[in-house]
Amino acid sequence: MYDLNGTWCAYYEGFAQNPPRELLDLGWFTPESLCRGVNYPEEMGQYRHFSDMRAWYDYVQSLRIQPGKVVPPYLDAFDEALRALAMTYFSPGFCKLAESKALSTLEDALKQAYNHRMCKFDKKNPQGHKKCSGLGEALEWVEQNDVLHKGLADNSKGSRRPNALNVIRDRLMHGNQQEMVPWGGLFKVVKEVIEHAFRNHEPFDIHRLRRMSDGSDITQFIPLI
């Protein structure tokens, strides 16, 4: 359904000649399988209707992180999450996979973007190695040390807010079948936080395997859609 070499990492490393413009090749599917409608929740709880697979796919494509400042592995990881999201058109079972992948990508991206500054030294480790923070701790650290929308995480001991990103991830990991219902706005929030975290990094020039150092405008990059 898609070229395994068609990733941002493969493109940067010279193994692919063209950037990955598409998440899926819809030509693999029969026209009859692409013509039904689908509903998907938005941030405020309303459901948005998509008339067919093309309309749904175009929406999912619009959620992709634009190349530039975000390092390629996280571009590819988030694309994998969105690819699974696109496949929920055919089976709702892909929903849990998509959301879990998006949130694990967010956790890793935050640690990379902030050089693991939210990770603490493990006192039980005699060699003083850092103990990696989870998603909740990472989000809380960013909220306290950077300009970021508050309330994305809830690390309280008692009853926690069900829409906090780390709470959503915990519930997904514990296999609650009720979590098959999509979390409205999840992918938009994850995208915004990842882009925010990398906003001060030097942009990547997607035409050459190097970072740019001249402060060039990243609008020169190839658009995804």
Protein backbone atom coordinates (compact mmCIF):
# COMPACT_ATOMS: atom_id res chain seq x y z
CA MET A 1 0.00 0.00 0.00
CA TYR A 2 3.04 2.26 0.26
CA ASP A 3 6.69 2.12 -0.68
CA LEU A 4 8.80 0.98 2.27
CA ASN A 5 11.63 3.14 0.94
CA GLY A 6 9.33 6.14 0.78
CA THR A 7 10.21 7.60 4.17
CA TRP A 8 11.84 10.85 5.20
CA CYS A 9 14.83 8.96 6.62
CA ALA A 10 15.33 7.11 3.32
CA TYR A 11 15.04 10.38 1.41
CA TYR A 12 17.52 12.24 3.60
CA GLU A 13 19.99 9.36 3.43
CA GLY A 14 19.82 9.15 -0.35
CA PHE A 15 18.03 5.79 -0.61
CA ALA A 16 14.91 7.36 -2.11
CA GLN A 17 14.90 9.94 -4.88
CA ASN A 18 11.58 11.53 -4.00
CA PRO A 19 10.11 12.71 -0.69
CA PRO A 20 7.18 10.66 0.63
CA ARG A 21 4.23 12.71 -0.59
CA GLU A 22 1.59 10.07 0.18
CA LEU A 23 0.72 7.99 3.22
CA LEU A 24 -1.11 5.33 1.22
CA ASP A 25 -1.54 4.30 -2.39
CA LEU A 26 -5.31 4.26 -2.78
CA GLY A 27 -4.87 2.44 -6.10
CA TRP A 28 -4.50 -0.78 -4.10
CA PHE A 29 -8.19 -0.65 -3.13
CA THR A 30 -11.24 -1.31 -5.25
CA PRO A 31 -13.37 1.74 -6.12
CA GLU A 32 -16.34 0.12 -4.38
CA SER A 33 -14.45 -0.03 -1.07
CA LEU A 34 -13.67 3.68 -1.16
CA CYS A 35 -17.14 5.12 -1.65
CA ARG A 36 -18.80 4.89 1.77
CA GLY A 37 -18.88 7.72 4.29
CA VAL A 38 -17.16 7.93 7.67
CA ASN A 39 -17.59 10.07 10.81
CA TYR A 40 -14.73 11.24 13.02
CA PRO A 41 -14.87 13.28 16.26
CA GLU A 42 -13.37 16.76 16.49
CA GLU A 43 -11.95 18.58 19.51
CA MET A 44 -15.26 19.80 20.93
CA GLY A 45 -17.02 16.45 20.59
CA GLN A 46 -18.86 17.12 17.34
CA TYR A 47 -18.56 14.53 14.60
CA ARG A 48 -17.30 15.52 11.19
CA HIS A 49 -18.62 13.58 8.21
CA PHE A 50 -16.41 12.52 5.31
CA SER A 51 -18.29 11.43 2.21
CA ASP A 52 -15.78 8.83 1.00
CA MET A 53 -12.24 7.53 1.44
CA ARG A 54 -10.69 10.32 -0.65
CA ALA A 55 -12.21 13.00 1.59
CA TRP A 56 -11.11 11.13 4.72
CA TYR A 57 -7.62 10.50 3.33
CA ASP A 58 -7.16 14.17 2.40
CA TYR A 59 -8.05 15.12 5.98
CA VAL A 60 -5.55 12.65 7.44
CA GLN A 61 -2.88 13.93 5.01
CA SER A 62 -3.50 17.46 6.30
CA LEU A 63 -2.42 16.32 9.79
CA ARG A 64 1.12 15.44 8.67
CA ILE A 65 4.05 17.31 10.15
CA GLN A 66 5.70 19.51 7.56
CA PRO A 67 9.38 18.70 6.93
CA GLY A 68 11.92 21.17 8.16
CA LYS A 69 12.81 21.55 11.80
CA VAL A 70 11.47 18.22 13.07
CA VAL A 71 14.11 15.52 12.66
CA PRO A 72 13.24 12.80 10.11
CA PRO A 73 12.68 9.82 12.47
CA TYR A 74 9.77 11.66 14.11
CA LEU A 75 8.35 12.70 10.75
CA ASP A 76 8.29 9.02 9.79
CA ALA A 77 6.97 7.82 13.15
CA PHE A 78 4.08 10.29 13.05
CA ASP A 79 3.39 9.32 9.44
CA GLU A 80 3.09 5.71 10.62
CA ALA A 81 0.50 6.78 13.17
CA LEU A 82 -1.42 8.69 10.51
CA ARG A 83 -1.21 5.75 8.11
CA ALA A 84 -2.92 3.60 10.73
CA LEU A 85 -5.46 6.38 11.30
CA ALA A 86 -6.26 6.41 7.58
CA MET A 87 -6.86 2.65 7.74
CA THR A 88 -9.57 3.08 10.38
CA TYR A 89 -11.77 3.78 7.36
CA PHE A 90 -11.70 0.02 6.76
CA SER A 91 -11.46 -1.25 10.34
CA PRO A 92 -11.88 0.59 13.67
CA GLY A 93 -9.23 -1.73 15.12
CA PHE A 94 -6.55 0.51 13.63
CA CYS A 95 -7.67 3.40 15.85
CA LYS A 96 -5.95 2.16 19.00
CA LEU A 97 -2.74 1.44 17.08
CA ALA A 98 -2.76 4.92 15.52
CA GLU A 99 -3.28 6.79 18.77
CA SER A 100 -0.75 4.69 20.70
CA LYS A 101 1.86 5.31 18.01
CA ALA A 102 1.18 9.05 17.97
CA LEU A 103 1.58 9.34 21.75
CA SER A 104 4.75 7.22 21.89
CA THR A 105 6.17 9.40 19.10
CA LEU A 106 5.32 12.49 21.14
CA GLU A 107 7.11 11.15 24.22
CA ASP A 108 10.27 10.31 22.28
CA ALA A 109 10.19 13.59 20.36
CA LEU A 110 9.97 15.67 23.55
CA LYS A 111 12.99 13.94 25.07
CA GLN A 112 14.99 14.46 21.88
CA ALA A 113 13.96 18.09 21.39
CA TYR A 114 14.86 19.07 24.98
CA ASN A 115 17.95 16.85 25.24
CA HIS A 116 16.41 14.68 27.98
CA ARG A 117 16.48 17.57 30.43
CA MET A 118 13.26 16.27 31.99
CA CYS A 119 14.93 12.94 32.83
CA LYS A 120 16.20 12.63 36.39
CA PHE A 121 19.16 10.79 37.90
CA ASP A 122 18.18 7.44 39.34
CA LYS A 123 19.44 7.35 42.94
CA LYS A 124 19.18 3.57 42.95
CA ASN A 125 21.64 3.33 40.11
CA PRO A 126 25.20 3.49 41.49
CA GLN A 127 26.54 4.77 38.18
CA GLY A 128 24.18 7.75 38.23
CA HIS A 129 22.45 7.06 34.94
CA LYS A 130 19.39 9.11 34.17
CA LYS A 131 15.97 7.54 34.54
CA CYS A 132 13.85 8.45 31.54
CA SER A 133 10.63 10.29 32.22
CA GLY A 134 7.29 9.04 30.96
CA LEU A 135 4.95 11.07 28.78
CA GLY A 136 3.24 12.72 31.76
CA GLU A 137 6.50 13.88 33.32
CA ALA A 138 7.85 15.05 29.96
CA LEU A 139 4.74 17.11 29.20
CA GLU A 140 4.72 18.57 32.72
CA TRP A 141 8.39 19.58 32.38
CA VAL A 142 7.72 21.34 29.07
CA GLU A 143 4.72 23.16 30.56
CA GLN A 144 6.90 24.41 33.43
CA ASN A 145 10.00 25.28 31.38
CA ASP A 146 8.67 26.38 28.01
CA VAL A 147 5.69 28.28 26.65
CA LEU A 148 3.14 25.52 26.14
CA HIS A 149 -0.60 25.19 26.60
CA LYS A 150 -1.29 24.05 30.17
CA GLY A 151 -3.21 20.97 31.16
CA LEU A 152 -1.94 18.52 28.55
CA ALA A 153 -0.84 16.13 31.31
CA ASP A 154 -2.29 15.03 34.63
CA ASN A 155 0.13 13.37 37.05
CA SER A 156 -2.06 13.52 40.14
CA LYS A 157 -2.37 10.44 42.34
CA GLY A 158 -6.16 10.36 42.54
CA SER A 159 -8.79 10.68 39.85
CA ARG A 160 -7.17 12.07 36.72
CA ARG A 161 -8.66 14.01 33.82
CA PRO A 162 -9.60 11.53 31.07
CA ASN A 163 -8.53 13.89 28.26
CA ALA A 164 -4.95 14.41 29.53
CA LEU A 165 -2.55 12.97 26.96
CA ASN A 166 -0.69 10.74 29.42
CA VAL A 167 -3.98 9.44 30.81
CA ILE A 168 -5.19 8.60 27.30
CA ARG A 169 -1.98 6.73 26.66
CA ASP A 170 -2.22 4.78 29.92
CA ARG A 171 -5.77 3.73 29.12
CA LEU A 172 -4.77 2.67 25.61
CA MET A 173 -1.84 0.62 26.92
CA HIS A 174 -4.07 -1.20 29.41
CA GLY A 175 -6.23 -2.49 26.60
CA ASN A 176 -9.57 -0.99 27.60
CA GLN A 177 -11.90 -1.95 24.77
CA GLN A 178 -13.91 1.23 25.33
CA GLU A 179 -10.90 3.17 24.02
CA MET A 180 -11.72 2.02 20.49
CA VAL A 181 -13.73 5.25 20.18
CA PRO A 182 -11.34 7.88 18.70
CA TRP A 183 -10.15 10.77 20.87
CA GLY A 184 -11.25 13.90 19.06
CA GLY A 185 -8.43 16.31 18.25
CA LEU A 186 -5.67 14.00 19.51
CA PHE A 187 -3.54 14.07 16.37
CA LYS A 188 -3.80 17.84 15.99
CA VAL A 189 -2.58 18.34 19.56
CA VAL A 190 0.30 15.86 19.18
CA LYS A 191 1.37 17.54 15.94
CA GLU A 192 1.28 21.02 17.51
CA VAL A 193 3.31 19.96 20.56
CA ILE A 194 5.99 18.20 18.47
CA GLU A 195 6.33 21.21 16.16
CA HIS A 196 6.47 23.52 19.18
CA ALA A 197 9.21 21.45 20.80
CA PHE A 198 11.43 21.61 17.71
CA ARG A 199 10.64 25.21 16.80
CA ASN A 200 14.09 26.55 17.78
CA HIS A 201 16.07 23.80 16.07
CA GLU A 202 17.97 24.54 12.91
CA PRO A 203 15.86 23.61 9.90
CA PHE A 204 16.76 20.64 7.73
CA ASP A 205 17.26 21.21 4.03
CA ILE A 206 15.36 18.31 2.50
CA HIS A 207 17.28 18.61 -0.76
CA ARG A 208 20.69 17.92 0.80
CA LEU A 209 21.84 15.76 3.68
CA ARG A 210 22.75 18.55 6.07
CA ARG A 211 21.33 21.07 8.47
CA MET A 212 20.95 24.60 7.25
CA SER A 213 22.98 27.24 9.09
CA ASP A 214 22.08 30.34 7.14
CA GLY A 215 18.63 30.86 8.67
CA SER A 216 16.88 30.27 5.36
CA ASP A 217 13.11 30.41 5.32
CA ILE A 218 11.69 26.89 5.62
CA THR A 219 8.85 27.84 3.26
CA GLN A 220 11.21 26.75 0.49
CA PHE A 221 10.62 23.14 1.52
CA ILE A 222 8.48 20.86 -0.59
CA PRO A 223 4.85 20.97 0.60
CA LEU A 224 3.28 17.65 1.54
CA ILE A 225 -0.12 18.40 0.10
